[in-house]
Amino acid sequence: MISLLIAFLTGGCLCLIGQLVMDKTNSSVSSGHILVGFISGGAILSGAGLYQPLVDWAGEGASIPLSGFGNLLTQGALRGAEKGITGAFSGGVEATAAGITAAIVFGYVMAVLFNPKG
């Protein structure tokens, strides 16, 4: 039960950081900026070896938010780099293939079922 609480609070804190950045900065910071910032931040922290201890401690609370996606991309690229430069590029895609596929499939299903506003 305590691991559930830690995951919930960690994920909530990560989301709170994004919301505070959007609320406390000028209106030119959009949700797209936050998305790129979280993925880049997760990738940089992962490359520095600082994100994995958070994932080990908080579990899904740290790996489900966008920063976890950046972590996964970086870890896949680092593993793929052992095979050479092409492995470094393909490793990130291999590591995140399930998440990317799910986003595409569920996005398509939702667009078919509901009327998109765009």
C-alpha atoms as a PDB file:
ATOM      1  CA  MET A   1       0.000   0.000   0.000  1.00  0.00           C
ATOM      2  CA  ILE A   2       2.840   2.397   0.775  1.00  0.00           C
ATOM      3  CA  SER A   3       4.339   1.852  -2.702  1.00  0.00           C
ATOM      4  CA  LEU A   4       0.998   2.880  -4.199  1.00  0.00           C
ATOM      5  CA  LEU A   5       1.037   6.080  -2.170  1.00  0.00           C
ATOM      6  CA  ILE A   6       4.644   6.850  -3.150  1.00  0.00           C
ATOM      7  CA  ALA A   7       3.837   6.318  -6.837  1.00  0.00           C
ATOM      8  CA  PHE A   8       0.716   8.488  -6.606  1.00  0.00           C
ATOM      9  CA  LEU A   9       2.504  11.329  -4.824  1.00  0.00           C
ATOM     10  CA  THR A  10       5.526  11.227  -7.150  1.00  0.00           C
ATOM     11  CA  GLY A  11       3.381  11.311 -10.287  1.00  0.00           C
ATOM     12  CA  GLY A  12       1.285  14.068  -8.750  1.00  0.00           C
ATOM     13  CA  CYS A  13       4.369  16.131  -7.920  1.00  0.00           C
ATOM     14  CA  LEU A  14       5.665  15.790 -11.481  1.00  0.00           C
ATOM     15  CA  CYS A  15       2.309  16.964 -12.824  1.00  0.00           C
ATOM     16  CA  LEU A  16       2.220  19.779 -10.260  1.00  0.00           C
ATOM     17  CA  ILE A  17       5.570  21.058 -11.532  1.00  0.00           C
ATOM     18  CA  GLY A  18       4.195  21.252 -15.077  1.00  0.00           C
ATOM     19  CA  GLN A  19       1.013  22.975 -13.928  1.00  0.00           C
ATOM     20  CA  LEU A  20       2.959  25.524 -11.861  1.00  0.00           C
ATOM     21  CA  VAL A  21       5.201  26.330 -14.817  1.00  0.00           C
ATOM     22  CA  MET A  22       2.138  26.928 -16.975  1.00  0.00           C
ATOM     23  CA  ASP A  23       0.347  29.013 -14.324  1.00  0.00           C
ATOM     24  CA  LYS A  24       3.289  31.114 -13.113  1.00  0.00           C
ATOM     25  CA  THR A  25       4.931  31.990 -16.438  1.00  0.00           C
ATOM     26  CA  ASN A  26       3.702  34.230 -19.211  1.00  0.00           C
ATOM     27  CA  SER A  27       1.076  32.984 -21.615  1.00  0.00           C
ATOM     28  CA  SER A  28       3.641  32.016 -24.242  1.00  0.00           C
ATOM     29  CA  VAL A  29       4.355  28.723 -22.407  1.00  0.00           C
ATOM     30  CA  SER A  30       1.942  26.170 -23.819  1.00  0.00           C
ATOM     31  CA  SER A  31       1.259  22.536 -23.060  1.00  0.00           C
ATOM     32  CA  GLY A  32       3.525  21.653 -25.987  1.00  0.00           C
ATOM     33  CA  HIS A  33       6.415  23.439 -24.287  1.00  0.00           C
ATOM     34  CA  ILE A  34       5.734  21.483 -21.104  1.00  0.00           C
ATOM     35  CA  LEU A  35       5.624  18.213 -23.084  1.00  0.00           C
ATOM     36  CA  VAL A  36       9.000  18.867 -24.699  1.00  0.00           C
ATOM     37  CA  GLY A  37      10.456  20.071 -21.413  1.00  0.00           C
ATOM     38  CA  PHE A  38       9.409  16.964 -19.507  1.00  0.00           C
ATOM     39  CA  ILE A  39      10.646  14.547 -22.171  1.00  0.00           C
ATOM     40  CA  SER A  40      13.943  16.422 -22.538  1.00  0.00           C
ATOM     41  CA  GLY A  41      14.347  16.723 -18.778  1.00  0.00           C
ATOM     42  CA  GLY A  42      13.718  13.019 -18.285  1.00  0.00           C
ATOM     43  CA  ALA A  43      16.219  12.190 -21.023  1.00  0.00           C
ATOM     44  CA  ILE A  44      18.898  14.468 -19.574  1.00  0.00           C
ATOM     45  CA  LEU A  45      18.393  13.183 -16.027  1.00  0.00           C
ATOM     46  CA  SER A  46      18.462   9.621 -17.335  1.00  0.00           C
ATOM     47  CA  GLY A  47      21.679  10.209 -19.250  1.00  0.00           C
ATOM     48  CA  ALA A  48      23.233  11.629 -16.082  1.00  0.00           C
ATOM     49  CA  GLY A  49      22.114   8.564 -14.127  1.00  0.00           C
ATOM     50  CA  LEU A  50      19.745  10.538 -11.898  1.00  0.00           C
ATOM     51  CA  TYR A  51      16.336   9.381 -13.143  1.00  0.00           C
ATOM     52  CA  GLN A  52      16.638   5.616 -12.659  1.00  0.00           C
ATOM     53  CA  PRO A  53      16.943   5.892  -8.844  1.00  0.00           C
ATOM     54  CA  LEU A  54      13.661   7.851  -8.891  1.00  0.00           C
ATOM     55  CA  VAL A  55      12.024   5.114 -10.988  1.00  0.00           C
ATOM     56  CA  ASP A  56      13.381   2.449  -8.628  1.00  0.00           C
ATOM     57  CA  TRP A  57      11.945   4.322  -5.633  1.00  0.00           C
ATOM     58  CA  ALA A  58       8.628   5.593  -7.053  1.00  0.00           C
ATOM     59  CA  GLY A  59       7.859   2.888  -9.624  1.00  0.00           C
ATOM     60  CA  GLU A  60       5.108   3.811 -12.054  1.00  0.00           C
ATOM     61  CA  GLY A  61       4.742   7.245 -10.474  1.00  0.00           C
ATOM     62  CA  ALA A  62       8.002   8.189 -12.165  1.00  0.00           C
ATOM     63  CA  SER A  63       7.837   6.032 -15.291  1.00  0.00           C
ATOM     64  CA  ILE A  64       4.320   6.836 -16.558  1.00  0.00           C
ATOM     65  CA  PRO A  65       4.624  10.659 -16.853  1.00  0.00           C
ATOM     66  CA  LEU A  66       6.345  12.161 -19.890  1.00  0.00           C
ATOM     67  CA  SER A  67       9.674  12.356 -18.099  1.00  0.00           C
ATOM     68  CA  GLY A  68       9.554   8.554 -17.918  1.00  0.00           C
ATOM     69  CA  PHE A  69       9.216   8.465 -21.707  1.00  0.00           C
ATOM     70  CA  GLY A  70      12.409  10.544 -21.986  1.00  0.00           C
ATOM     71  CA  ASN A  71      14.095   8.140 -19.574  1.00  0.00           C
ATOM     72  CA  LEU A  72      13.034   5.161 -21.660  1.00  0.00           C
ATOM     73  CA  LEU A  73      14.259   6.792 -24.892  1.00  0.00           C
ATOM     74  CA  THR A  74      17.657   7.507 -23.380  1.00  0.00           C
ATOM     75  CA  GLN A  75      18.070   4.060 -21.846  1.00  0.00           C
ATOM     76  CA  GLY A  76      17.177   2.436 -25.166  1.00  0.00           C
ATOM     77  CA  ALA A  77      19.629   4.667 -27.031  1.00  0.00           C
ATOM     78  CA  LEU A  78      22.404   3.879 -24.548  1.00  0.00           C
ATOM     79  CA  ARG A  79      21.784   0.132 -24.878  1.00  0.00           C
ATOM     80  CA  GLY A  80      21.623   0.430 -28.661  1.00  0.00           C
ATOM     81  CA  ALA A  81      24.854   2.456 -28.776  1.00  0.00           C
ATOM     82  CA  GLU A  82      26.731  -0.726 -27.897  1.00  0.00           C
ATOM     83  CA  LYS A  83      25.884  -1.888 -31.444  1.00  0.00           C
ATOM     84  CA  GLY A  84      27.147   1.305 -33.070  1.00  0.00           C
ATOM     85  CA  ILE A  85      25.740   4.611 -34.219  1.00  0.00           C
ATOM     86  CA  THR A  86      22.686   3.135 -35.929  1.00  0.00           C
ATOM     87  CA  GLY A  87      21.938   1.169 -32.780  1.00  0.00           C
ATOM     88  CA  ALA A  88      21.953   4.407 -30.800  1.00  0.00           C
ATOM     89  CA  PHE A  89      19.210   5.794 -33.044  1.00  0.00           C
ATOM     90  CA  SER A  90      17.168   2.606 -33.278  1.00  0.00           C
ATOM     91  CA  GLY A  91      17.530   1.690 -29.597  1.00  0.00           C
ATOM     92  CA  GLY A  92      15.284   4.514 -28.431  1.00  0.00           C
ATOM     93  CA  VAL A  93      12.598   3.554 -30.931  1.00  0.00           C
ATOM     94  CA  GLU A  94      12.794  -0.115 -29.934  1.00  0.00           C
ATOM     95  CA  ALA A  95      12.509   0.756 -26.248  1.00  0.00           C
ATOM     96  CA  THR A  96       9.446   2.938 -26.753  1.00  0.00           C
ATOM     97  CA  ALA A  97       7.728   0.989 -29.549  1.00  0.00           C
ATOM     98  CA  ALA A  98       4.885  -0.306 -27.363  1.00  0.00           C
ATOM     99  CA  GLY A  99       4.026   3.167 -26.053  1.00  0.00           C
ATOM    100  CA  ILE A 100       4.204   4.778 -29.476  1.00  0.00           C
ATOM    101  CA  THR A 101       2.037   2.041 -30.997  1.00  0.00           C
ATOM    102  CA  ALA A 102      -0.547   2.341 -28.224  1.00  0.00           C
ATOM    103  CA  ALA A 103      -0.718   6.129 -28.684  1.00  0.00           C
ATOM    104  CA  ILE A 104      -1.269   5.774 -32.427  1.00  0.00           C
ATOM    105  CA  VAL A 105      -3.866   2.994 -32.146  1.00  0.00           C
ATOM    106  CA  PHE A 106      -5.857   4.598 -29.321  1.00  0.00           C
ATOM    107  CA  GLY A 107      -5.667   8.003 -31.011  1.00  0.00           C
ATOM    108  CA  TYR A 108      -7.062   6.510 -34.209  1.00  0.00           C
ATOM    109  CA  VAL A 109      -9.829   4.663 -32.354  1.00  0.00           C
ATOM    110  CA  MET A 110     -10.871   7.822 -30.491  1.00  0.00           C
ATOM    111  CA  ALA A 111     -10.854   9.840 -33.737  1.00  0.00           C
ATOM    112  CA  VAL A 112     -13.131   7.250 -35.370  1.00  0.00           C
ATOM    113  CA  LEU A 113     -15.498   6.978 -32.409  1.00  0.00           C
ATOM    114  CA  PHE A 114     -15.769  10.697 -31.609  1.00  0.00           C
ATOM    115  CA  ASN A 115     -15.885  13.885 -33.628  1.00  0.00           C
ATOM    116  CA  PRO A 116     -12.475  15.585 -33.354  1.00  0.00           C
ATOM    117  CA  LYS A 117     -12.403  19.366 -32.939  1.00  0.00           C
ATOM    118  CA  GLY A 118      -9.739  20.261 -35.424  1.00  0.00           C
END
